[in-house]
Amino acid sequence: MTGTEALAWAVIALAGAAIGATSIGGVLVVPALSSLLGVPLPEAIAASSLAFLVTGAYALTGNASGALAHLRRDAPLMLTALLGAGAGAALTAWAPGDAVRGWIGLLALASGAHALWRLHRPDPRADHPWPGLGGQMALGLGVGLGSALSGTGGPVMLLPILMLMRRPLSRAIVAAQVIQLPIAIASSATHALAGRLDWRLGATIAVALLLGAWAGRRLARRANPRPLQAATAAVLLATGAWFLLA
């Protein structure tokens, strides 16, 4: 394994640790695959989408009944995320590569800025009511489309939006975890039908993310996760700048 390959898998493991500790970081996977390992962008997005199916299921371990209840309670959000993700995955076949790279770079920058903001400022009062039917449908379509187009799982978009809207934090966290499943299912199925999905690469990424998520979850429970949050924010900002300027 070359130094560049080792760096790529280290970044993917960091993404997994960040997901386990903070629910963000997944946007790092596609840049690591495309820029460091040389995987073509559509194939990198497809493999990343498959991997997030595994990490999404892992995020819900120990709270399966709560996840099912949330799927029923926020069915409009989840169903429209499924539709949006299918459309976003289909777009990767013909969307200009520079536009996709720009979107991923912007998403990484926004995620890094949000992570830094959460580190240095207390959470705002989450006292606004949960979105109604129209709001959930708009959120689901937008998050599903944007997540599938960037090869991310969903929390990196949904959680900051809900927090900025001052929605209840506990429900926002569960929603961000649950939404990974419909997005990953629709994205992976669309890429597989189009012949873009490298199953072996996706499974390898899933293992790396899963190990990182396990370590990140333990860190969040037993130690101060702030150093990991700070490191993730720095890498997200650097990745965003790199994708936008390179």
C-alpha atoms as a PDB file:
ATOM      1  CA  MET A   1       0.000   0.000   0.000  1.00  0.00           C
ATOM      2  CA  THR A   2       1.379   3.381  -1.009  1.00  0.00           C
ATOM      3  CA  GLY A   3       1.404   6.433   1.223  1.00  0.00           C
ATOM      4  CA  THR A   4      -1.443   8.005  -0.767  1.00  0.00           C
ATOM      5  CA  GLU A   5      -3.562   4.879  -0.402  1.00  0.00           C
ATOM      6  CA  ALA A   6      -2.861   4.748   3.326  1.00  0.00           C
ATOM      7  CA  LEU A   7      -3.890   8.401   3.640  1.00  0.00           C
ATOM      8  CA  ALA A   8      -7.136   7.732   1.746  1.00  0.00           C
ATOM      9  CA  TRP A   9      -8.152   4.899   4.050  1.00  0.00           C
ATOM     10  CA  ALA A  10      -7.138   6.929   7.098  1.00  0.00           C
ATOM     11  CA  VAL A  11      -9.474   9.718   5.942  1.00  0.00           C
ATOM     12  CA  ILE A  12     -12.280   7.187   5.430  1.00  0.00           C
ATOM     13  CA  ALA A  13     -11.698   5.769   8.918  1.00  0.00           C
ATOM     14  CA  LEU A  14     -11.775   9.321  10.310  1.00  0.00           C
ATOM     15  CA  ALA A  15     -15.073   9.849   8.505  1.00  0.00           C
ATOM     16  CA  GLY A  16     -16.432   6.733  10.208  1.00  0.00           C
ATOM     17  CA  ALA A  17     -15.219   7.893  13.623  1.00  0.00           C
ATOM     18  CA  ALA A  18     -16.825  11.284  13.076  1.00  0.00           C
ATOM     19  CA  ILE A  19     -20.086   9.615  12.083  1.00  0.00           C
ATOM     20  CA  GLY A  20     -20.045   7.505  15.241  1.00  0.00           C
ATOM     21  CA  ALA A  21     -19.262  10.440  17.521  1.00  0.00           C
ATOM     22  CA  THR A  22     -21.046  13.371  15.882  1.00  0.00           C
ATOM     23  CA  SER A  23     -23.212  12.023  12.991  1.00  0.00           C
ATOM     24  CA  ILE A  24     -21.227  14.084  10.445  1.00  0.00           C
ATOM     25  CA  GLY A  25     -18.138  13.388   8.381  1.00  0.00           C
ATOM     26  CA  GLY A  26     -19.495  11.191   5.607  1.00  0.00           C
ATOM     27  CA  VAL A  27     -18.787  13.830   2.980  1.00  0.00           C
ATOM     28  CA  LEU A  28     -15.083  12.976   3.312  1.00  0.00           C
ATOM     29  CA  VAL A  29     -15.478   9.549   1.698  1.00  0.00           C
ATOM     30  CA  VAL A  30     -15.983  10.529  -1.952  1.00  0.00           C
ATOM     31  CA  PRO A  31     -13.061  13.018  -2.015  1.00  0.00           C
ATOM     32  CA  ALA A  32     -10.792  10.350  -0.508  1.00  0.00           C
ATOM     33  CA  LEU A  33     -11.836   7.851  -3.164  1.00  0.00           C
ATOM     34  CA  SER A  34     -11.747  10.149  -6.177  1.00  0.00           C
ATOM     35  CA  SER A  35      -8.779  12.392  -5.380  1.00  0.00           C
ATOM     36  CA  LEU A  36      -6.508  10.007  -3.460  1.00  0.00           C
ATOM     37  CA  LEU A  37      -7.388   6.592  -4.897  1.00  0.00           C
ATOM     38  CA  GLY A  38      -8.272   7.758  -8.409  1.00  0.00           C
ATOM     39  CA  VAL A  39     -11.738   6.207  -8.468  1.00  0.00           C
ATOM     40  CA  PRO A  40     -13.940   7.933 -11.095  1.00  0.00           C
ATOM     41  CA  LEU A  41     -16.407  10.267  -9.425  1.00  0.00           C
ATOM     42  CA  PRO A  42     -19.649   8.428 -10.354  1.00  0.00           C
ATOM     43  CA  GLU A  43     -18.220   5.099  -9.164  1.00  0.00           C
ATOM     44  CA  ALA A  44     -16.918   6.720  -5.965  1.00  0.00           C
ATOM     45  CA  ILE A  45     -20.376   8.139  -5.233  1.00  0.00           C
ATOM     46  CA  ALA A  46     -22.003   4.762  -5.918  1.00  0.00           C
ATOM     47  CA  ALA A  47     -19.630   2.824  -3.634  1.00  0.00           C
ATOM     48  CA  SER A  48     -19.983   5.418  -0.896  1.00  0.00           C
ATOM     49  CA  SER A  49     -23.782   5.187  -1.068  1.00  0.00           C
ATOM     50  CA  LEU A  50     -23.646   1.415  -0.558  1.00  0.00           C
ATOM     51  CA  ALA A  51     -21.309   1.798   2.417  1.00  0.00           C
ATOM     52  CA  PHE A  52     -23.713   4.201   4.123  1.00  0.00           C
ATOM     53  CA  LEU A  53     -26.396   1.531   4.042  1.00  0.00           C
ATOM     54  CA  VAL A  54     -24.264  -0.414   6.532  1.00  0.00           C
ATOM     55  CA  THR A  55     -23.365   2.540   8.745  1.00  0.00           C
ATOM     56  CA  GLY A  56     -26.991   3.677   8.723  1.00  0.00           C
ATOM     57  CA  ALA A  57     -28.083   0.299  10.040  1.00  0.00           C
ATOM     58  CA  TYR A  58     -25.312   0.411  12.648  1.00  0.00           C
ATOM     59  CA  ALA A  59     -26.416   3.842  13.840  1.00  0.00           C
ATOM     60  CA  LEU A  60     -29.782   2.380  14.750  1.00  0.00           C
ATOM     61  CA  THR A  61     -28.521  -0.638  16.689  1.00  0.00           C
ATOM     62  CA  GLY A  62     -29.968  -0.708  20.154  1.00  0.00           C
ATOM     63  CA  ASN A  63     -32.904   1.502  19.163  1.00  0.00           C
ATOM     64  CA  ALA A  64     -34.719  -0.486  16.497  1.00  0.00           C
ATOM     65  CA  SER A  65     -38.152   0.069  18.001  1.00  0.00           C
ATOM     66  CA  GLY A  66     -37.527   3.824  18.185  1.00  0.00           C
ATOM     67  CA  ALA A  67     -36.378   3.838  14.564  1.00  0.00           C
ATOM     68  CA  LEU A  68     -39.524   2.043  13.404  1.00  0.00           C
ATOM     69  CA  ALA A  69     -41.674   4.474  15.356  1.00  0.00           C
ATOM     70  CA  HIS A  70     -39.838   7.368  13.737  1.00  0.00           C
ATOM     71  CA  LEU A  71     -40.289   5.893  10.265  1.00  0.00           C
ATOM     72  CA  ARG A  72     -44.037   5.832  10.858  1.00  0.00           C
ATOM     73  CA  ARG A  73     -44.172   9.272  12.490  1.00  0.00           C
ATOM     74  CA  ASP A  74     -42.122  11.026   9.799  1.00  0.00           C
ATOM     75  CA  ALA A  75     -43.162   8.891   6.837  1.00  0.00           C
ATOM     76  CA  PRO A  76     -43.443  11.909   4.458  1.00  0.00           C
ATOM     77  CA  LEU A  77     -39.828  12.902   5.215  1.00  0.00           C
ATOM     78  CA  MET A  78     -38.525   9.374   4.675  1.00  0.00           C
ATOM     79  CA  LEU A  79     -40.560   8.592   1.544  1.00  0.00           C
ATOM     80  CA  THR A  80     -39.624  11.818  -0.218  1.00  0.00           C
ATOM     81  CA  ALA A  81     -35.978  11.278   0.772  1.00  0.00           C
ATOM     82  CA  LEU A  82     -36.233   7.901  -0.981  1.00  0.00           C
ATOM     83  CA  LEU A  83     -37.537   9.579  -4.142  1.00  0.00           C
ATOM     84  CA  GLY A  84     -35.008  12.411  -3.970  1.00  0.00           C
ATOM     85  CA  ALA A  85     -32.133   9.990  -3.508  1.00  0.00           C
ATOM     86  CA  GLY A  86     -33.178   7.957  -6.534  1.00  0.00           C
ATOM     87  CA  ALA A  87     -33.236  11.123  -8.632  1.00  0.00           C
ATOM     88  CA  GLY A  88     -29.893  12.316  -7.243  1.00  0.00           C
ATOM     89  CA  ALA A  89     -28.209   8.990  -7.956  1.00  0.00           C
ATOM     90  CA  ALA A  90     -29.528   9.057 -11.522  1.00  0.00           C
ATOM     91  CA  LEU A  91     -28.167  12.591 -11.993  1.00  0.00           C
ATOM     92  CA  THR A  92     -24.604  11.454 -11.309  1.00  0.00           C
ATOM     93  CA  ALA A  93     -24.558   9.701 -14.691  1.00  0.00           C
ATOM     94  CA  TRP A  94     -24.752  12.912 -16.709  1.00  0.00           C
ATOM     95  CA  ALA A  95     -24.186  15.827 -14.316  1.00  0.00           C
ATOM     96  CA  PRO A  96     -20.934  17.693 -15.166  1.00  0.00           C
ATOM     97  CA  GLY A  97     -18.073  16.434 -13.023  1.00  0.00           C
ATOM     98  CA  ASP A  98     -17.022  19.960 -12.075  1.00  0.00           C
ATOM     99  CA  ALA A  99     -20.543  20.726 -10.858  1.00  0.00           C
ATOM    100  CA  VAL A 100     -20.620  17.574  -8.725  1.00  0.00           C
ATOM    101  CA  ARG A 101     -17.173  18.350  -7.316  1.00  0.00           C
ATOM    102  CA  GLY A 102     -18.302  21.885  -6.551  1.00  0.00           C
ATOM    103  CA  TRP A 103     -21.393  20.626  -4.734  1.00  0.00           C
ATOM    104  CA  ILE A 104     -19.324  18.182  -2.665  1.00  0.00           C
ATOM    105  CA  GLY A 105     -16.826  20.943  -1.873  1.00  0.00           C
ATOM    106  CA  LEU A 106     -19.568  23.326  -0.753  1.00  0.00           C
ATOM    107  CA  LEU A 107     -21.150  20.617   1.374  1.00  0.00           C
ATOM    108  CA  ALA A 108     -17.810  19.843   3.016  1.00  0.00           C
ATOM    109  CA  LEU A 109     -17.182  23.524   3.754  1.00  0.00           C
ATOM    110  CA  ALA A 110     -20.667  23.985   5.200  1.00  0.00           C
ATOM    111  CA  SER A 111     -20.291  20.857   7.327  1.00  0.00           C
ATOM    112  CA  GLY A 112     -16.922  21.994   8.642  1.00  0.00           C
ATOM    113  CA  ALA A 113     -18.246  25.459   9.468  1.00  0.00           C
ATOM    114  CA  HIS A 114     -21.238  23.950  11.257  1.00  0.00           C
ATOM    115  CA  ALA A 115     -18.988  21.624  13.253  1.00  0.00           C
ATOM    116  CA  LEU A 116     -16.805  24.550  14.358  1.00  0.00           C
ATOM    117  CA  TRP A 117     -19.876  26.584  15.284  1.00  0.00           C
ATOM    118  CA  ARG A 118     -21.156  23.759  17.480  1.00  0.00           C
ATOM    119  CA  LEU A 119     -17.762  23.507  19.167  1.00  0.00           C
ATOM    120  CA  HIS A 120     -17.568  27.160  20.136  1.00  0.00           C
ATOM    121  CA  ARG A 121     -21.183  28.149  20.688  1.00  0.00           C
ATOM    122  CA  PRO A 122     -23.930  26.518  22.723  1.00  0.00           C
ATOM    123  CA  ASP A 123     -26.809  24.946  20.854  1.00  0.00           C
ATOM    124  CA  PRO A 124     -29.614  27.408  20.152  1.00  0.00           C
ATOM    125  CA  ARG A 125     -32.963  26.949  21.838  1.00  0.00           C
ATOM    126  CA  ALA A 126     -34.740  24.190  19.945  1.00  0.00           C
ATOM    127  CA  ASP A 127     -38.254  25.450  20.562  1.00  0.00           C
ATOM    128  CA  HIS A 128     -39.834  25.542  17.121  1.00  0.00           C
ATOM    129  CA  PRO A 129     -42.453  22.914  16.187  1.00  0.00           C
ATOM    130  CA  TRP A 130     -41.536  19.971  13.984  1.00  0.00           C
ATOM    131  CA  PRO A 131     -42.120  20.560  10.258  1.00  0.00           C
ATOM    132  CA  GLY A 132     -45.562  19.680   8.928  1.00  0.00           C
ATOM    133  CA  LEU A 133     -46.396  17.649   5.842  1.00  0.00           C
ATOM    134  CA  GLY A 134     -45.211  20.219   3.299  1.00  0.00           C
ATOM    135  CA  GLY A 135     -42.033  20.991   5.212  1.00  0.00           C
ATOM    136  CA  GLN A 136     -41.161  17.322   5.590  1.00  0.00           C
ATOM    137  CA  MET A 137     -41.719  16.670   1.906  1.00  0.00           C
ATOM    138  CA  ALA A 138     -39.513  19.596   0.877  1.00  0.00           C
ATOM    139  CA  LEU A 139     -36.802  18.565   3.333  1.00  0.00           C
ATOM    140  CA  GLY A 140     -36.914  14.944   2.235  1.00  0.00           C
ATOM    141  CA  LEU A 141     -36.635  15.733  -1.463  1.00  0.00           C
ATOM    142  CA  GLY A 142     -33.825  18.230  -0.959  1.00  0.00           C
ATOM    143  CA  VAL A 143     -31.806  16.120   1.470  1.00  0.00           C
ATOM    144  CA  GLY A 144     -32.304  12.947  -0.563  1.00  0.00           C
ATOM    145  CA  LEU A 145     -31.273  14.630  -3.812  1.00  0.00           C
ATOM    146  CA  GLY A 146     -28.274  16.458  -2.349  1.00  0.00           C
ATOM    147  CA  SER A 147     -27.059  13.473  -0.356  1.00  0.00           C
ATOM    148  CA  ALA A 148     -27.238  11.035  -3.268  1.00  0.00           C
ATOM    149  CA  LEU A 149     -25.521  13.504  -5.592  1.00  0.00           C
ATOM    150  CA  SER A 150     -22.635  13.838  -3.126  1.00  0.00           C
ATOM    151  CA  GLY A 151     -22.476  10.196  -2.042  1.00  0.00           C
ATOM    152  CA  THR A 152     -23.301  11.031   1.591  1.00  0.00           C
ATOM    153  CA  GLY A 153     -25.738   9.399   3.970  1.00  0.00           C
ATOM    154  CA  GLY A 154     -28.102  12.224   4.887  1.00  0.00           C
ATOM    155  CA  PRO A 155     -27.185  13.424   8.404  1.00  0.00           C
ATOM    156  CA  VAL A 156     -24.541  15.812   7.069  1.00  0.00           C
ATOM    157  CA  MET A 157     -27.341  17.775   5.387  1.00  0.00           C
ATOM    158  CA  LEU A 158     -30.426  17.135   7.508  1.00  0.00           C
ATOM    159  CA  LEU A 159     -29.020  17.673  11.003  1.00  0.00           C
ATOM    160  CA  PRO A 160     -27.550  21.173  10.419  1.00  0.00           C
ATOM    161  CA  ILE A 161     -30.734  22.267   8.615  1.00  0.00           C
ATOM    162  CA  LEU A 162     -32.980  21.117  11.465  1.00  0.00           C
ATOM    163  CA  MET A 163     -30.717  22.723  14.056  1.00  0.00           C
ATOM    164  CA  LEU A 164     -30.643  26.027  12.188  1.00  0.00           C
ATOM    165  CA  MET A 165     -34.442  25.825  12.030  1.00  0.00           C
ATOM    166  CA  ARG A 166     -34.407  25.338  15.818  1.00  0.00           C
ATOM    167  CA  ARG A 167     -36.268  22.051  15.728  1.00  0.00           C
ATOM    168  CA  PRO A 168     -36.169  19.707  18.773  1.00  0.00           C
ATOM    169  CA  LEU A 169     -32.629  18.327  18.931  1.00  0.00           C
ATOM    170  CA  SER A 170     -33.401  14.803  20.163  1.00  0.00           C
ATOM    171  CA  ARG A 171     -35.918  14.226  17.369  1.00  0.00           C
ATOM    172  CA  ALA A 172     -33.553  15.820  14.824  1.00  0.00           C
ATOM    173  CA  ILE A 173     -30.757  13.393  15.750  1.00  0.00           C
ATOM    174  CA  VAL A 174     -33.024  10.360  15.383  1.00  0.00           C
ATOM    175  CA  ALA A 175     -34.383  11.660  12.074  1.00  0.00           C
ATOM    176  CA  ALA A 176     -30.843  12.199  10.758  1.00  0.00           C
ATOM    177  CA  GLN A 177     -29.916   8.624  11.688  1.00  0.00           C
ATOM    178  CA  VAL A 178     -33.051   7.020  10.258  1.00  0.00           C
ATOM    179  CA  ILE A 179     -32.983   8.938   6.966  1.00  0.00           C
ATOM    180  CA  GLN A 180     -29.725   7.202   6.026  1.00  0.00           C
ATOM    181  CA  LEU A 181     -31.610   3.993   5.234  1.00  0.00           C
ATOM    182  CA  PRO A 182     -34.036   5.228   2.537  1.00  0.00           C
ATOM    183  CA  ILE A 183     -31.307   7.389   0.983  1.00  0.00           C
ATOM    184  CA  ALA A 184     -28.772   4.549   0.880  1.00  0.00           C
ATOM    185  CA  ILE A 185     -31.319   2.011  -0.396  1.00  0.00           C
ATOM    186  CA  ALA A 186     -32.548   4.231  -3.248  1.00  0.00           C
ATOM    187  CA  SER A 187     -29.050   5.417  -4.196  1.00  0.00           C
ATOM    188  CA  SER A 188     -27.479   1.959  -4.147  1.00  0.00           C
ATOM    189  CA  ALA A 189     -30.336   0.414  -6.140  1.00  0.00           C
ATOM    190  CA  THR A 190     -30.174   3.157  -8.777  1.00  0.00           C
ATOM    191  CA  HIS A 191     -26.397   2.856  -9.152  1.00  0.00           C
ATOM    192  CA  ALA A 192     -26.577  -0.949  -9.266  1.00  0.00           C
ATOM    193  CA  LEU A 193     -29.216  -0.916 -12.005  1.00  0.00           C
ATOM    194  CA  ALA A 194     -27.030   1.512 -13.991  1.00  0.00           C
ATOM    195  CA  GLY A 195     -23.973  -0.747 -13.611  1.00  0.00           C
ATOM    196  CA  ARG A 196     -21.937   1.849 -11.693  1.00  0.00           C
ATOM    197  CA  LEU A 197     -21.744   0.033  -8.365  1.00  0.00           C
ATOM    198  CA  ASP A 198     -18.486  -1.701  -7.417  1.00  0.00           C
ATOM    199  CA  TRP A 199     -19.783  -4.067  -4.736  1.00  0.00           C
ATOM    200  CA  ARG A 200     -16.329  -5.042  -3.472  1.00  0.00           C
ATOM    201  CA  LEU A 201     -15.199  -1.435  -3.086  1.00  0.00           C
ATOM    202  CA  GLY A 202     -18.461  -0.511  -1.381  1.00  0.00           C
ATOM    203  CA  ALA A 203     -18.121  -3.407   1.061  1.00  0.00           C
ATOM    204  CA  THR A 204     -14.506  -2.452   1.844  1.00  0.00           C
ATOM    205  CA  ILE A 205     -15.520   1.144   2.532  1.00  0.00           C
ATOM    206  CA  ALA A 206     -18.369  -0.101   4.707  1.00  0.00           C
ATOM    207  CA  VAL A 207     -15.952  -2.111   6.857  1.00  0.00           C
ATOM    208  CA  ALA A 208     -13.614   0.875   7.258  1.00  0.00           C
ATOM    209  CA  LEU A 209     -16.503   3.197   8.135  1.00  0.00           C
ATOM    210  CA  LEU A 210     -18.006   0.661  10.515  1.00  0.00           C
ATOM    211  CA  LEU A 211     -14.756   0.247  12.442  1.00  0.00           C
ATOM    212  CA  GLY A 212     -14.346   4.001  12.621  1.00  0.00           C
ATOM    213  CA  ALA A 213     -17.965   4.500  13.716  1.00  0.00           C
ATOM    214  CA  TRP A 214     -17.554   1.918  16.478  1.00  0.00           C
ATOM    215  CA  ALA A 215     -14.447   3.720  17.767  1.00  0.00           C
ATOM    216  CA  GLY A 216     -16.117   7.121  17.474  1.00  0.00           C
ATOM    217  CA  ARG A 217     -19.183   5.963  19.391  1.00  0.00           C
ATOM    218  CA  ARG A 218     -17.022   4.597  22.213  1.00  0.00           C
ATOM    219  CA  LEU A 219     -15.037   7.847  22.324  1.00  0.00           C
ATOM    220  CA  ALA A 220     -18.219   9.894  22.548  1.00  0.00           C
ATOM    221  CA  ARG A 221     -19.450   7.782  25.459  1.00  0.00           C
ATOM    222  CA  ARG A 222     -16.237   7.455  27.447  1.00  0.00           C
ATOM    223  CA  ALA A 223     -14.116  10.492  26.699  1.00  0.00           C
ATOM    224  CA  ASN A 224     -14.261  14.068  25.521  1.00  0.00           C
ATOM    225  CA  PRO A 225     -15.157  13.943  21.797  1.00  0.00           C
ATOM    226  CA  ARG A 226     -14.210  17.580  21.209  1.00  0.00           C
ATOM    227  CA  PRO A 227     -10.708  16.803  19.814  1.00  0.00           C
ATOM    228  CA  LEU A 228     -12.290  14.483  17.248  1.00  0.00           C
ATOM    229  CA  GLN A 229     -14.902  17.112  16.418  1.00  0.00           C
ATOM    230  CA  ALA A 230     -12.191  19.732  15.950  1.00  0.00           C
ATOM    231  CA  ALA A 231     -10.099  17.418  13.765  1.00  0.00           C
ATOM    232  CA  THR A 232     -13.141  16.501  11.668  1.00  0.00           C
ATOM    233  CA  ALA A 233     -14.060  20.169  11.205  1.00  0.00           C
ATOM    234  CA  ALA A 234     -10.520  20.996  10.072  1.00  0.00           C
ATOM    235  CA  VAL A 235     -10.438  18.112   7.589  1.00  0.00           C
ATOM    236  CA  LEU A 236     -13.897  19.034   6.261  1.00  0.00           C
ATOM    237  CA  LEU A 237     -12.832  22.638   5.683  1.00  0.00           C
ATOM    238  CA  ALA A 238      -9.590  21.566   4.002  1.00  0.00           C
ATOM    239  CA  THR A 239     -11.425  19.032   1.825  1.00  0.00           C
ATOM    240  CA  GLY A 240     -14.019  21.598   0.793  1.00  0.00           C
ATOM    241  CA  ALA A 241     -11.374  24.132  -0.170  1.00  0.00           C
ATOM    242  CA  TRP A 242      -9.397  21.461  -2.020  1.00  0.00           C
ATOM    243  CA  PHE A 243     -12.411  20.305  -4.074  1.00  0.00           C
ATOM    244  CA  LEU A 244     -13.433  23.857  -4.911  1.00  0.00           C
ATOM    245  CA  LEU A 245      -9.989  25.202  -5.795  1.00  0.00           C
ATOM    246  CA  ALA A 246      -8.107  22.224  -7.225  1.00  0.00           C
END
